[in-house]
Amino acid sequence: MKSKTEKLLDELVKLHPKYIDLSLDRLKLLLKKLDNPQDHLPKTIHIAGTNGKGSVQSFIRNILLNNGYKCDAYISPHLSRFNERIILNNQEVSTKKLYETLKFVKKINNNKPITFFEITTAAAFMLFKQSKSDFLILETGLGGRLDATNIIPKKFCSILTPISFDHEEFLGKTLKKIASEKLGIVKNCEFVLVGKQKKELKDYIQKKLNKFENKYFYGKEFRVIKSLKNKFEIEIDRKKYFYTKPSLNGKHQNENASISIYFAKKMKNLGYKLNTKKINAAIKKTLWPGRLEVINYKNKKIILDGSHNIDGAEKLNDFLKTERIKPIVLFGMLNNKKASLFLDKIKKRISKVLAIKIPGEKNSFKTKQINKICDLHSIKCENVTDINDALKYFRTNQEKVYLITGSLYLIGKIRSRLI
C-alpha cells in the first residue's frame, strides 16, 4: 500500500501531461506565489553534465562537511525513495517535512499545469531556504539552460562534468548543441570548473566561456597524471600532488575527484578554511550507490551500475576489462535510450544477458525487444519475468559474478533487495 507521501507525489505527476517539458515560465509563476525562495538559498554550487554529476556532488559535499561547513544537496533521480533527492545538512529530508512542504506547494499551485520536476524543485527551494546551511549543491535534472534548477539568480560556482550524448530529443542531436544547453548554467557565479571533455568539445566550450574570467579547465589548470594502488597523482596549476584514491570504482572517479579537489583549492584561495587531511578523508569515505557499486549477495558478487548512455557503457567496459571479469548481466533500459549501442560497447566483456522489463516503468524495453538486440550482436540471452525471478537466478546459478545495468530505475528497484 502506498504512503500518503507517495500518493501525493503521484498526484503531482498528473499536473502536466508531459513528464519533461523544458521551460522556466511555469516555475517562475509558482515561485513568485511562494515569495521567491530561490532568491534566498545558501551559497550554491551548480552542476551540469551528462555523467559524473552525482559523484562530483558527493565528493564536494563530503569535503565541505569534513571541514565543518553545513551543506545541502539536490539530487536526481532517486534510487529507492524520493527523500533521497533533498539532503539537508547531510540528512535526507524527513517524510513529515517533505509531505507538508509538497502539500503546501501543491495548494499554492492551485492545479495549474506544471511538470513533476518543476513543482518538486519549488518545494526543495523552500526547504533549502529554511535550512540556513552554508552551501547548497544543485544537480541539474536535464540539460541546464532551461532546467528548473537554473532559475536561481546567483551562484557560488558552476561546474561542468563530462558531456556526451543523452536526451538528444530534448537537448539536440549534436555534442555541441548538448554542450550549449548545459553551458546555460554558467552565469552570475564566482568561478567555473570544467571537467574532462571529449576532444571535439574542448575548444567549443572554451570559446563559449571566453567572456567569463574565472574559468578553469581539466587538462589546463588540473588533471590526473597517474593512479597508484592507494593514491593518485594530480597536477594543479603546474604543481604535482598525491591524494587518497576514491573508494568509488572506475578510473574515471579519479577525474571526478580531481574536480572536487580543484574546487577546494579555489575555495582556499577565496579565504575558506579547508584542511588537506580532511579533504583526503572525505574523498576516501565518499560513497555513491548504484555506480559501479559492488555488493556481496548470497556468496555472489553483484555489480550495480546505473549507466544508461554510451559514455557510461564505455566506462563500464573499462572497469570490466580492468577487473578481468565476464559477468552475467541483468539488463533493463528505458526505450528512449540506445540499448543496441550500449550492449555493443560491453558485449566482449559479458557472458550472457538476462533480459528484464523494468518493473513499474511503462516506457521500459520489453524482454523480446532486448532479445532481438542481443541476437543482432550475437549475445546469449535469457528472460527473467521479474526481480524475484532474477534473484532466484543469482542464488541458484553457479556463476559467482553478476552485473545489473542499463537504468538507475532498475538499480533502484532491486538494490534494497540485495543489501
Protein backbone atom coordinates (compact mmCIF):
# COMPACT_ATOMS: atom_id res chain seq x y z
CA MET A 1 0.00 0.00 0.00
CA LYS A 2 1.33 3.45 -0.91
CA SER A 3 2.05 6.03 1.79
CA LYS A 4 0.30 9.40 1.75
CA THR A 5 3.56 10.99 0.51
CA GLU A 6 3.76 8.55 -2.41
CA LYS A 7 0.10 9.23 -3.25
CA LEU A 8 0.78 12.97 -3.19
CA LEU A 9 3.78 12.54 -5.49
CA ASP A 10 1.56 10.58 -7.89
CA GLU A 11 -0.90 13.50 -7.90
CA LEU A 12 1.91 15.91 -8.80
CA VAL A 13 2.86 13.81 -11.84
CA LYS A 14 -0.65 14.34 -13.23
CA LEU A 15 -0.46 18.16 -13.18
CA HIS A 16 1.15 18.27 -16.63
CA PRO A 17 0.63 15.80 -19.49
CA LYS A 18 4.32 15.82 -20.43
CA TYR A 19 6.77 14.46 -17.85
CA ILE A 20 9.52 16.56 -19.46
CA ASP A 21 8.69 19.99 -20.92
CA LEU A 22 11.70 22.29 -20.65
CA SER A 23 10.65 25.82 -19.73
CA LEU A 24 11.10 28.19 -16.79
CA ASP A 25 7.83 30.12 -17.22
CA ARG A 26 5.56 27.83 -15.19
CA LEU A 27 8.07 27.63 -12.36
CA LYS A 28 8.59 31.41 -12.26
CA LEU A 29 4.86 31.94 -11.69
CA LEU A 30 4.75 29.38 -8.87
CA LEU A 31 7.90 30.66 -7.17
CA LYS A 32 6.54 34.20 -7.22
CA LYS A 33 3.48 32.97 -5.28
CA LEU A 34 5.88 31.28 -2.83
CA ASP A 35 7.75 34.58 -2.24
CA ASN A 36 10.71 33.54 -4.43
CA PRO A 37 12.63 31.14 -2.16
CA GLN A 38 15.25 30.71 -4.93
CA ASP A 39 16.47 34.23 -4.09
CA HIS A 40 17.33 33.20 -0.51
CA LEU A 41 19.34 29.99 -0.83
CA PRO A 42 22.72 29.08 0.69
CA LYS A 43 25.79 29.68 -1.47
CA THR A 44 25.05 27.45 -4.44
CA ILE A 45 27.32 25.09 -6.36
CA HIS A 46 25.51 24.21 -9.61
CA ILE A 47 26.50 21.06 -11.53
CA ALA A 48 25.55 20.10 -15.09
CA GLY A 49 26.92 17.39 -17.37
CA THR A 50 26.00 14.03 -18.85
CA ASN A 51 27.86 11.76 -16.44
CA GLY A 52 29.60 12.28 -13.12
CA LYS A 53 27.25 14.90 -11.60
CA GLY A 54 26.33 12.70 -8.66
CA SER A 55 29.88 11.61 -7.89
CA VAL A 56 31.25 15.18 -8.04
CA GLN A 57 28.36 16.39 -5.89
CA SER A 58 29.08 13.68 -3.33
CA PHE A 59 32.86 14.38 -3.26
CA ILE A 60 32.33 18.12 -2.78
CA ARG A 61 29.63 17.63 -0.17
CA ASN A 62 31.89 15.37 1.89
CA ILE A 63 34.81 17.80 1.59
CA LEU A 64 32.65 20.66 2.88
CA LEU A 65 31.13 18.58 5.68
CA ASN A 66 34.51 17.19 6.76
CA ASN A 67 35.80 20.75 7.05
CA GLY A 68 32.94 21.89 9.28
CA TYR A 69 30.59 23.52 6.77
CA LYS A 70 26.88 22.78 6.66
CA CYS A 71 25.88 21.58 3.23
CA ASP A 72 22.58 20.75 1.49
CA ALA A 73 22.18 18.92 -1.82
CA TYR A 74 19.57 18.40 -4.53
CA ILE A 75 19.93 15.13 -6.43
CA SER A 76 18.02 13.28 -9.13
CA PRO A 77 16.89 10.70 -9.79
CA HIS A 78 16.48 8.83 -6.52
CA LEU A 79 17.09 5.10 -6.17
CA SER A 80 14.64 3.90 -3.51
CA ARG A 81 12.55 6.82 -2.26
CA PHE A 82 12.01 10.46 -3.11
CA ASN A 83 13.52 11.72 0.19
CA GLU A 84 16.97 10.90 -1.24
CA ARG A 85 16.66 13.88 -3.61
CA ILE A 86 16.65 16.52 -0.87
CA ILE A 87 19.59 16.46 1.54
CA LEU A 88 19.52 18.93 4.45
CA ASN A 89 22.91 19.15 6.19
CA ASN A 90 23.77 15.59 5.17
CA GLN A 91 20.40 14.12 6.19
CA GLU A 92 17.59 13.09 3.87
CA VAL A 93 14.57 15.32 4.37
CA SER A 94 12.15 13.77 6.86
CA THR A 95 8.98 12.29 5.40
CA LYS A 96 6.87 14.60 7.60
CA LYS A 97 8.64 17.75 6.43
CA LEU A 98 8.63 16.57 2.81
CA TYR A 99 4.90 15.81 2.85
CA GLU A 100 3.95 19.10 4.49
CA THR A 101 6.04 21.13 2.04
CA LEU A 102 4.80 19.30 -1.05
CA LYS A 103 1.19 19.63 0.14
CA PHE A 104 1.62 23.38 0.71
CA VAL A 105 3.26 23.93 -2.70
CA LYS A 106 0.55 21.88 -4.43
CA LYS A 107 -2.11 24.05 -2.76
CA ILE A 108 -0.40 27.29 -3.82
CA ASN A 109 -0.02 25.98 -7.39
CA ASN A 110 -3.80 25.51 -7.46
CA ASN A 111 -3.81 22.76 -10.12
CA LYS A 112 -2.03 24.92 -12.70
CA PRO A 113 -0.07 22.91 -15.32
CA ILE A 114 3.48 22.28 -14.11
CA THR A 115 5.86 19.34 -14.52
CA PHE A 116 6.70 16.98 -11.67
CA PHE A 117 10.34 18.12 -11.59
CA GLU A 118 9.37 21.81 -11.56
CA ILE A 119 6.92 21.58 -8.66
CA THR A 120 9.17 19.32 -6.59
CA THR A 121 12.09 21.70 -7.26
CA ALA A 122 9.94 24.57 -5.92
CA ALA A 123 9.33 22.54 -2.76
CA ALA A 124 13.06 21.79 -2.48
CA PHE A 125 13.89 25.50 -2.75
CA MET A 126 11.55 26.21 0.16
CA LEU A 127 13.30 23.58 2.27
CA PHE A 128 16.77 24.84 1.34
CA LYS A 129 15.77 28.40 2.19
CA GLN A 130 14.69 27.24 5.66
CA SER A 131 17.79 25.10 6.30
CA LYS A 132 20.22 28.01 6.75
CA SER A 133 23.19 25.87 5.66
CA ASP A 134 26.47 27.33 4.40
CA PHE A 135 26.31 25.73 0.95
CA LEU A 136 23.86 24.06 -1.41
CA ILE A 137 24.89 21.72 -4.22
CA LEU A 138 22.36 21.59 -7.06
CA GLU A 139 22.42 18.90 -9.72
CA THR A 140 20.54 19.75 -12.88
CA GLY A 141 17.75 17.35 -13.74
CA LEU A 142 18.17 17.53 -17.52
CA GLY A 143 20.29 19.87 -19.63
CA GLY A 144 20.98 23.21 -18.00
CA ARG A 145 19.70 26.33 -19.75
CA LEU A 146 16.00 25.55 -19.23
CA ASP A 147 16.40 23.16 -16.30
CA ALA A 148 14.27 24.05 -13.27
CA THR A 149 17.37 24.38 -11.08
CA ASN A 150 18.71 27.13 -13.38
CA ILE A 151 16.11 29.61 -12.20
CA ILE A 152 18.30 30.68 -9.28
CA PRO A 153 19.71 34.19 -9.86
CA LYS A 154 23.20 33.84 -8.36
CA LYS A 155 25.67 31.03 -7.78
CA PHE A 156 28.92 30.49 -5.95
CA CYS A 157 30.31 28.12 -8.58
CA SER A 158 29.19 26.41 -11.80
CA ILE A 159 30.65 23.00 -12.69
CA LEU A 160 30.52 21.10 -15.98
CA THR A 161 31.20 17.37 -15.73
CA PRO A 162 31.90 15.30 -18.91
CA ILE A 163 29.37 15.93 -21.68
CA SER A 164 28.28 13.22 -24.11
CA PHE A 165 25.17 12.01 -25.93
CA ASP A 166 22.00 11.59 -23.86
CA HIS A 167 18.45 13.00 -24.02
CA GLU A 168 19.06 14.13 -27.62
CA GLU A 169 15.33 14.50 -28.17
CA PHE A 170 15.37 17.44 -25.73
CA LEU A 171 18.92 18.80 -25.91
CA GLY A 172 19.90 18.40 -29.56
CA LYS A 173 21.37 15.83 -31.92
CA THR A 174 24.99 17.03 -31.80
CA LEU A 175 27.51 17.24 -28.97
CA LYS A 176 27.85 21.00 -29.48
CA LYS A 177 24.10 21.54 -29.13
CA ILE A 178 24.01 19.40 -25.99
CA ALA A 179 27.01 21.30 -24.58
CA SER A 180 25.37 24.63 -25.39
CA GLU A 181 22.33 23.66 -23.32
CA LYS A 182 24.45 22.55 -20.38
CA LEU A 183 26.59 25.70 -20.57
CA GLY A 184 23.39 27.59 -19.78
CA ILE A 185 24.09 27.16 -16.05
CA VAL A 186 27.22 29.33 -16.29
CA LYS A 187 26.01 32.72 -15.09
CA ASN A 188 26.43 35.07 -12.14
CA CYS A 189 28.99 32.94 -10.30
CA GLU A 190 32.42 33.47 -8.79
CA PHE A 191 34.17 30.76 -10.80
CA VAL A 192 33.58 27.90 -13.27
CA LEU A 193 35.16 24.45 -13.29
CA VAL A 194 35.13 22.33 -16.45
CA GLY A 195 35.83 18.61 -16.11
CA LYS A 196 37.43 16.35 -18.70
CA GLN A 197 35.69 16.70 -22.07
CA LYS A 198 35.78 14.98 -25.45
CA LYS A 199 38.37 16.43 -27.85
CA GLU A 200 35.74 17.87 -30.19
CA LEU A 201 34.20 19.89 -27.33
CA LYS A 202 37.27 21.41 -25.68
CA ASP A 203 37.74 24.41 -27.98
CA TYR A 204 33.99 24.92 -28.35
CA ILE A 205 33.44 25.15 -24.57
CA GLN A 206 36.49 27.37 -24.13
CA LYS A 207 35.21 29.84 -26.75
CA LYS A 208 31.77 29.85 -25.17
CA LEU A 209 33.32 30.71 -21.81
CA ASN A 210 35.73 33.38 -23.08
CA LYS A 211 33.58 36.16 -21.65
CA PHE A 212 33.85 34.58 -18.20
CA GLU A 213 37.11 35.45 -16.43
CA ASN A 214 37.34 32.89 -13.62
CA LYS A 215 37.15 29.62 -15.54
CA TYR A 216 39.34 26.56 -15.00
CA PHE A 217 39.66 23.54 -17.30
CA TYR A 218 40.63 19.94 -16.77
CA GLY A 219 43.86 19.41 -18.67
CA LYS A 220 44.99 23.03 -18.27
CA GLU A 221 44.67 24.00 -14.63
CA PHE A 222 44.23 20.49 -13.19
CA ARG A 223 44.47 16.89 -14.38
CA VAL A 224 45.10 13.34 -13.18
CA ILE A 225 48.65 12.21 -14.01
CA LYS A 226 48.66 8.62 -12.78
CA SER A 227 46.86 6.23 -10.48
CA LEU A 228 48.62 4.02 -7.94
CA LYS A 229 47.23 1.39 -5.55
CA ASN A 230 46.01 3.65 -2.75
CA LYS A 231 46.60 7.13 -4.13
CA PHE A 232 46.59 9.11 -7.33
CA GLU A 233 48.78 11.94 -8.58
CA ILE A 234 47.27 15.12 -9.91
CA GLU A 235 48.74 18.28 -11.35
CA ILE A 236 47.25 21.53 -10.05
CA ASP A 237 48.43 24.80 -11.54
CA ARG A 238 51.65 23.10 -12.73
CA LYS A 239 52.45 21.59 -9.32
CA LYS A 240 52.09 17.86 -8.55
CA TYR A 241 50.32 16.40 -5.53
CA PHE A 242 49.25 12.98 -4.26
CA TYR A 243 45.74 12.42 -2.93
CA THR A 244 43.96 9.42 -1.48
CA LYS A 245 42.23 7.30 -4.11
CA PRO A 246 38.44 7.32 -4.01
CA SER A 247 36.65 4.25 -2.71
CA LEU A 248 34.37 4.52 -5.75
CA ASN A 249 35.20 2.06 -8.54
CA GLY A 250 36.37 3.10 -12.01
CA LYS A 251 39.37 5.17 -13.05
CA HIS A 252 37.03 8.00 -14.12
CA GLN A 253 36.33 8.57 -10.42
CA ASN A 254 39.89 9.91 -10.06
CA GLU A 255 38.92 12.54 -12.63
CA ASN A 256 35.68 13.32 -10.76
CA ALA A 257 37.64 13.59 -7.52
CA SER A 258 40.13 15.95 -9.18
CA ILE A 259 37.27 18.38 -9.92
CA SER A 260 36.34 18.39 -6.23
CA ILE A 261 39.98 18.85 -5.18
CA TYR A 262 40.40 21.82 -7.51
CA PHE A 263 37.13 23.21 -6.20
CA ALA A 264 38.62 23.00 -2.67
CA LYS A 265 41.76 24.82 -3.89
CA LYS A 266 39.67 27.66 -5.33
CA MET A 267 37.78 27.89 -2.04
CA LYS A 268 41.04 28.15 -0.12
CA ASN A 269 42.15 30.94 -2.47
CA LEU A 270 38.94 32.77 -1.58
CA GLY A 271 39.73 32.55 2.13
CA TYR A 272 37.75 29.48 3.18
CA LYS A 273 39.46 27.15 5.64
CA LEU A 274 39.95 23.63 4.28
CA ASN A 275 42.41 21.06 5.61
CA THR A 276 44.24 18.71 3.21
CA LYS A 277 43.97 15.71 5.57
CA LYS A 278 40.24 16.30 5.85
CA ILE A 279 39.95 16.58 2.06
CA ASN A 280 41.72 13.21 1.70
CA ALA A 281 39.45 11.62 4.31
CA ALA A 282 36.39 13.00 2.54
CA ILE A 283 37.45 11.54 -0.82
CA LYS A 284 38.16 8.15 0.75
CA LYS A 285 34.80 7.88 2.52
CA THR A 286 32.64 9.10 -0.38
CA LEU A 287 30.08 6.54 -1.47
CA TRP A 288 27.65 6.82 -4.36
CA PRO A 289 25.20 3.91 -4.54
CA GLY A 290 24.41 2.26 -7.85
CA ARG A 291 27.50 3.50 -9.68
CA LEU A 292 29.90 0.56 -10.13
CA GLU A 293 28.88 -0.45 -6.62
CA VAL A 294 29.87 -3.97 -5.58
CA ILE A 295 27.60 -5.88 -3.21
CA ASN A 296 28.04 -9.38 -1.78
CA TYR A 297 24.78 -11.30 -2.05
CA LYS A 298 24.47 -14.97 -1.02
CA ASN A 299 28.20 -15.51 -1.64
CA LYS A 300 27.89 -13.90 -5.07
CA LYS A 301 29.44 -10.63 -6.26
CA ILE A 302 26.80 -8.27 -7.67
CA ILE A 303 27.94 -5.13 -9.51
CA LEU A 304 25.33 -2.38 -9.68
CA ASP A 305 25.84 0.27 -12.33
CA GLY A 306 23.10 2.67 -13.41
CA SER A 307 24.85 3.55 -16.68
CA HIS A 308 22.31 4.18 -19.44
CA ASN A 309 24.20 6.06 -22.17
CA ILE A 310 27.17 5.36 -24.43
CA ASP A 311 29.73 7.22 -22.33
CA GLY A 312 28.60 5.23 -19.31
CA ALA A 313 28.89 1.99 -21.30
CA GLU A 314 32.48 2.88 -22.22
CA LYS A 315 33.40 3.47 -18.58
CA LEU A 316 31.66 0.25 -17.58
CA ASN A 317 33.58 -1.63 -20.29
CA ASP A 318 36.88 -0.20 -19.00
CA PHE A 319 36.02 -1.37 -15.47
CA LEU A 320 35.17 -4.90 -16.59
CA LYS A 321 38.37 -5.04 -18.65
CA THR A 322 40.49 -3.84 -15.71
CA GLU A 323 38.85 -6.34 -13.34
CA ARG A 324 39.20 -9.14 -15.91
CA ILE A 325 35.70 -10.44 -15.33
CA LYS A 326 32.89 -11.53 -17.71
CA PRO A 327 29.70 -11.35 -15.67
CA ILE A 328 26.17 -12.42 -16.46
CA VAL A 329 24.22 -9.18 -16.95
CA LEU A 330 20.72 -8.38 -15.73
CA PHE A 331 19.76 -5.74 -18.28
CA GLY A 332 16.77 -3.40 -18.41
CA MET A 333 16.55 0.02 -20.03
CA LEU A 334 14.06 2.77 -20.85
CA ASN A 335 13.05 2.65 -24.50
CA ASN A 336 14.23 6.18 -25.28
CA LYS A 337 17.82 5.02 -24.71
CA LYS A 338 20.21 3.39 -27.20
CA ALA A 339 20.16 -0.18 -25.91
CA SER A 340 21.78 -1.63 -29.03
CA LEU A 341 24.78 0.71 -28.91
CA PHE A 342 25.09 0.21 -25.14
CA LEU A 343 25.20 -3.58 -25.36
CA ASP A 344 27.54 -3.43 -28.35
CA LYS A 345 30.04 -1.48 -26.22
CA ILE A 346 30.18 -4.13 -23.49
CA LYS A 347 29.46 -7.37 -25.39
CA LYS A 348 33.07 -8.61 -25.31
CA ARG A 349 33.16 -8.21 -21.52
CA ILE A 350 29.97 -10.11 -20.64
CA SER A 351 29.00 -13.80 -20.84
CA LYS A 352 25.23 -13.57 -21.11
CA VAL A 353 22.28 -11.17 -20.76
CA LEU A 354 19.25 -11.72 -18.55
CA ALA A 355 16.59 -9.50 -20.12
CA ILE A 356 14.08 -7.83 -17.79
CA LYS A 357 11.35 -5.25 -18.28
CA ILE A 358 11.88 -2.65 -15.55
CA PRO A 359 9.03 -3.12 -13.06
CA GLY A 360 6.56 -0.24 -12.93
CA GLU A 361 8.11 1.57 -15.91
CA LYS A 362 5.73 1.55 -18.88
CA ASN A 363 8.45 3.05 -21.12
CA SER A 364 10.88 0.20 -20.50
CA PHE A 365 12.15 -2.07 -23.27
CA LYS A 366 10.21 -5.36 -23.31
CA THR A 367 12.19 -8.57 -22.95
CA LYS A 368 11.50 -9.63 -26.53
CA GLN A 369 12.96 -6.32 -27.77
CA ILE A 370 16.12 -6.93 -25.71
CA ASN A 371 16.24 -10.48 -27.14
CA LYS A 372 16.29 -9.09 -30.69
CA ILE A 373 19.08 -6.66 -29.84
CA CYS A 374 21.13 -9.46 -28.28
CA ASP A 375 20.57 -11.64 -31.37
CA LEU A 376 21.82 -8.76 -33.53
CA HIS A 377 25.07 -8.65 -31.53
CA SER A 378 25.41 -12.44 -31.04
CA ILE A 379 24.96 -12.13 -27.27
CA LYS A 380 23.44 -15.07 -25.38
CA CYS A 381 20.15 -14.00 -23.82
CA GLU A 382 17.55 -15.36 -21.41
CA ASN A 383 14.45 -13.71 -19.99
CA VAL A 384 13.55 -13.19 -16.35
CA THR A 385 9.97 -12.32 -15.53
CA ASP A 386 10.58 -10.04 -12.55
CA ILE A 387 13.02 -9.15 -9.76
CA ASN A 388 12.11 -12.26 -7.73
CA ASP A 389 12.98 -14.39 -10.75
CA ALA A 390 16.31 -12.53 -11.17
CA LEU A 391 17.24 -13.01 -7.50
CA LYS A 392 16.40 -16.70 -7.72
CA TYR A 393 18.71 -16.96 -10.75
CA PHE A 394 21.54 -15.28 -8.79
CA ARG A 395 21.07 -17.67 -5.86
CA THR A 396 20.83 -20.91 -7.81
CA ASN A 397 23.24 -20.38 -10.71
CA GLN A 398 26.85 -21.48 -10.37
CA GLU A 399 28.27 -18.20 -11.72
CA LYS A 400 29.83 -16.03 -8.99
CA VAL A 401 29.77 -12.58 -10.63
CA TYR A 402 26.74 -10.63 -11.91
CA LEU A 403 26.23 -7.14 -13.28
CA ILE A 404 22.98 -5.17 -13.14
CA THR A 405 22.93 -2.23 -15.55
CA GLY A 406 21.02 -0.18 -18.13
CA SER A 407 19.00 2.06 -15.85
CA LEU A 408 19.12 3.73 -12.44
CA TYR A 409 15.41 2.90 -12.22
CA LEU A 410 16.27 -0.80 -12.43
CA ILE A 411 19.02 -0.39 -9.82
CA GLY A 412 16.57 1.39 -7.52
CA LYS A 413 14.02 -1.42 -7.81
CA ILE A 414 16.48 -4.17 -6.93
CA ARG A 415 19.16 -2.66 -4.67
CA SER A 416 17.15 -2.76 -1.43
CA ARG A 417 16.61 -6.50 -2.00
CA LEU A 418 20.36 -7.11 -2.14
CA ILE A 419 21.59 -5.27 0.95
